[in-house]
Amino acid sequence: MELSVIVPIYNEEANIGELYQRLLGVLDALPLPGGFELIFVNDGSRDDSWAMMEALAAEDPHLVAVN
């Protein structure tokens, strides 16, 4: 079984990188035989949150970005 962590994002461009790194640190340390996925959901952000989410998702197969 895979663990899915769903995170709503609203105007968080200043925090997305730190949030992503901290979540990876916790999830990588857990014994999850089925793996995990992070789902970042853009909740109508008016800053560059969506662009940052897309860039992270392009580099990490564990991350799904939803607009």
N, C-alpha and C. Protein backbone atom coordinates (compact mmCIF):
# COMPACT_ATOMS: atom_id res chain seq x y z
N MET A 1 0.83 -1.17 0.00
CA MET A 1 0.00 0.00 0.00
C MET A 1 0.88 1.25 0.00
N GLU A 2 0.52 2.21 -0.82
CA GLU A 2 1.26 3.46 -0.92
C GLU A 2 0.62 4.51 -0.01
N LEU A 3 1.44 5.32 0.61
CA LEU A 3 0.96 6.43 1.43
C LEU A 3 0.88 7.67 0.56
N SER A 4 -0.27 8.34 0.57
CA SER A 4 -0.44 9.59 -0.16
C SER A 4 -0.60 10.72 0.84
N VAL A 5 0.19 11.77 0.66
CA VAL A 5 0.10 12.96 1.49
C VAL A 5 -0.37 14.09 0.59
N ILE A 6 -1.56 14.63 0.90
CA ILE A 6 -2.16 15.68 0.08
C ILE A 6 -2.02 17.00 0.82
N VAL A 7 -1.45 17.99 0.12
CA VAL A 7 -1.17 19.29 0.73
C VAL A 7 -1.78 20.40 -0.12
N PRO A 8 -2.76 21.14 0.42
CA PRO A 8 -3.26 22.30 -0.32
C PRO A 8 -2.23 23.43 -0.25
N ILE A 9 -2.06 24.11 -1.36
CA ILE A 9 -1.09 25.20 -1.45
C ILE A 9 -1.82 26.47 -1.89
N TYR A 10 -1.71 27.52 -1.09
CA TYR A 10 -2.29 28.81 -1.45
C TYR A 10 -1.30 29.92 -1.12
N ASN A 11 -0.75 30.52 -2.16
CA ASN A 11 0.21 31.62 -2.01
C ASN A 11 1.34 31.27 -1.03
N GLU A 12 2.00 30.16 -1.30
CA GLU A 12 3.06 29.68 -0.41
C GLU A 12 4.43 29.60 -1.08
N GLU A 13 4.66 30.42 -2.09
CA GLU A 13 5.92 30.32 -2.82
C GLU A 13 7.14 30.43 -1.91
N ALA A 14 7.04 31.18 -0.84
CA ALA A 14 8.17 31.33 0.07
C ALA A 14 8.41 30.09 0.92
N ASN A 15 7.44 29.20 0.99
CA ASN A 15 7.52 28.05 1.89
C ASN A 15 7.56 26.69 1.20
N ILE A 16 7.26 26.64 -0.07
CA ILE A 16 7.13 25.35 -0.75
C ILE A 16 8.43 24.53 -0.69
N GLY A 17 9.55 25.15 -0.95
CA GLY A 17 10.82 24.42 -0.93
C GLY A 17 11.11 23.80 0.42
N GLU A 18 10.93 24.55 1.47
CA GLU A 18 11.16 24.04 2.83
C GLU A 18 10.17 22.95 3.18
N LEU A 19 8.91 23.16 2.85
CA LEU A 19 7.88 22.15 3.11
C LEU A 19 8.22 20.84 2.40
N TYR A 20 8.58 20.95 1.15
CA TYR A 20 8.94 19.77 0.35
C TYR A 20 10.11 19.02 0.97
N GLN A 21 11.18 19.73 1.33
CA GLN A 21 12.35 19.09 1.92
C GLN A 21 12.02 18.42 3.25
N ARG A 22 11.24 19.07 4.09
CA ARG A 22 10.89 18.49 5.39
C ARG A 22 10.01 17.26 5.23
N LEU A 23 9.05 17.32 4.32
CA LEU A 23 8.20 16.15 4.09
C LEU A 23 9.02 14.97 3.57
N LEU A 24 9.93 15.24 2.64
CA LEU A 24 10.78 14.15 2.13
C LEU A 24 11.62 13.55 3.24
N GLY A 25 12.15 14.37 4.13
CA GLY A 25 12.95 13.87 5.24
C GLY A 25 12.17 12.93 6.13
N VAL A 26 10.94 13.28 6.41
CA VAL A 26 10.10 12.42 7.26
C VAL A 26 9.70 11.15 6.52
N LEU A 27 9.22 11.30 5.28
CA LEU A 27 8.72 10.15 4.54
C LEU A 27 9.83 9.17 4.17
N ASP A 28 11.01 9.68 3.85
CA ASP A 28 12.13 8.79 3.52
C ASP A 28 12.56 7.96 4.74
N ALA A 29 12.32 8.48 5.94
CA ALA A 29 12.74 7.79 7.16
C ALA A 29 11.73 6.73 7.61
N LEU A 30 10.53 6.76 7.05
CA LEU A 30 9.50 5.80 7.46
C LEU A 30 9.63 4.49 6.69
N PRO A 31 9.34 3.37 7.35
CA PRO A 31 9.35 2.08 6.65
C PRO A 31 8.04 1.91 5.87
N LEU A 32 8.04 2.38 4.64
CA LEU A 32 6.84 2.32 3.79
C LEU A 32 7.10 1.36 2.63
N PRO A 33 6.74 0.09 2.80
CA PRO A 33 7.04 -0.90 1.75
C PRO A 33 6.41 -0.57 0.40
N GLY A 34 5.25 0.10 0.43
CA GLY A 34 4.59 0.45 -0.83
C GLY A 34 5.01 1.80 -1.37
N GLY A 35 5.85 2.50 -0.64
CA GLY A 35 6.30 3.82 -1.09
C GLY A 35 5.33 4.92 -0.69
N PHE A 36 5.55 6.08 -1.26
CA PHE A 36 4.72 7.23 -0.94
C PHE A 36 4.61 8.16 -2.13
N GLU A 37 3.62 9.03 -2.07
CA GLU A 37 3.49 10.11 -3.04
C GLU A 37 3.07 11.37 -2.31
N LEU A 38 3.56 12.48 -2.80
CA LEU A 38 3.15 13.79 -2.31
C LEU A 38 2.26 14.40 -3.38
N ILE A 39 1.12 14.90 -2.98
CA ILE A 39 0.22 15.56 -3.92
C ILE A 39 0.06 17.00 -3.45
N PHE A 40 0.63 17.93 -4.19
CA PHE A 40 0.49 19.34 -3.90
C PHE A 40 -0.64 19.88 -4.78
N VAL A 41 -1.64 20.47 -4.16
CA VAL A 41 -2.80 20.98 -4.89
C VAL A 41 -2.80 22.50 -4.83
N ASN A 42 -2.69 23.13 -5.98
CA ASN A 42 -2.75 24.58 -6.04
C ASN A 42 -4.19 25.02 -5.78
N ASP A 43 -4.38 25.83 -4.77
CA ASP A 43 -5.72 26.25 -4.34
C ASP A 43 -6.00 27.69 -4.75
N GLY A 44 -5.66 28.03 -5.99
CA GLY A 44 -5.95 29.36 -6.50
C GLY A 44 -4.88 30.40 -6.18
N SER A 45 -3.66 29.96 -6.01
CA SER A 45 -2.57 30.88 -5.68
C SER A 45 -2.42 31.97 -6.74
N ARG A 46 -2.06 33.16 -6.27
CA ARG A 46 -1.83 34.29 -7.17
C ARG A 46 -0.36 34.65 -7.26
N ASP A 47 0.49 33.88 -6.58
CA ASP A 47 1.93 34.09 -6.65
C ASP A 47 2.54 33.01 -7.54
N ASP A 48 3.80 32.73 -7.39
CA ASP A 48 4.48 31.73 -8.24
C ASP A 48 4.45 30.32 -7.66
N SER A 49 3.50 30.05 -6.79
CA SER A 49 3.40 28.72 -6.19
C SER A 49 3.25 27.64 -7.25
N TRP A 50 2.38 27.86 -8.22
CA TRP A 50 2.14 26.83 -9.24
C TRP A 50 3.42 26.54 -10.03
N ALA A 51 4.14 27.55 -10.43
CA ALA A 51 5.38 27.34 -11.18
C ALA A 51 6.39 26.54 -10.36
N MET A 52 6.47 26.83 -9.07
CA MET A 52 7.38 26.09 -8.20
C MET A 52 6.94 24.64 -8.05
N MET A 53 5.65 24.42 -7.92
CA MET A 53 5.13 23.06 -7.80
C MET A 53 5.43 22.26 -9.07
N GLU A 54 5.22 22.87 -10.22
CA GLU A 54 5.50 22.20 -11.49
C GLU A 54 6.97 21.82 -11.61
N ALA A 55 7.85 22.74 -11.23
CA ALA A 55 9.29 22.49 -11.32
C ALA A 55 9.70 21.34 -10.41
N LEU A 56 9.19 21.32 -9.19
CA LEU A 56 9.52 20.23 -8.26
C LEU A 56 8.99 18.89 -8.79
N ALA A 57 7.77 18.90 -9.30
CA ALA A 57 7.15 17.66 -9.80
C ALA A 57 7.90 17.13 -11.02
N ALA A 58 8.46 18.02 -11.82
CA ALA A 58 9.21 17.58 -13.01
C ALA A 58 10.49 16.84 -12.62
N GLU A 59 11.00 17.12 -11.43
CA GLU A 59 12.25 16.50 -10.98
C GLU A 59 12.05 15.31 -10.04
N ASP A 60 10.87 15.18 -9.46
CA ASP A 60 10.65 14.13 -8.45
C ASP A 60 9.41 13.30 -8.78
N PRO A 61 9.59 12.02 -9.09
CA PRO A 61 8.43 11.18 -9.42
C PRO A 61 7.51 10.92 -8.23
N HIS A 62 7.95 11.24 -7.02
CA HIS A 62 7.08 11.09 -5.85
C HIS A 62 6.08 12.23 -5.72
N LEU A 63 6.32 13.32 -6.44
CA LEU A 63 5.49 14.52 -6.30
C LEU A 63 4.57 14.68 -7.50
N VAL A 64 3.29 14.89 -7.19
CA VAL A 64 2.28 15.18 -8.20
C VAL A 64 1.77 16.58 -7.91
N ALA A 65 1.75 17.43 -8.93
CA ALA A 65 1.23 18.79 -8.77
C ALA A 65 -0.10 18.89 -9.52
N VAL A 66 -1.10 19.39 -8.82
CA VAL A 66 -2.46 19.52 -9.39
C VAL A 66 -2.84 20.99 -9.35
N ASN A 67 -3.29 21.49 -10.49
CA ASN A 67 -3.69 22.88 -10.56
C ASN A 67 -5.21 22.97 -10.62
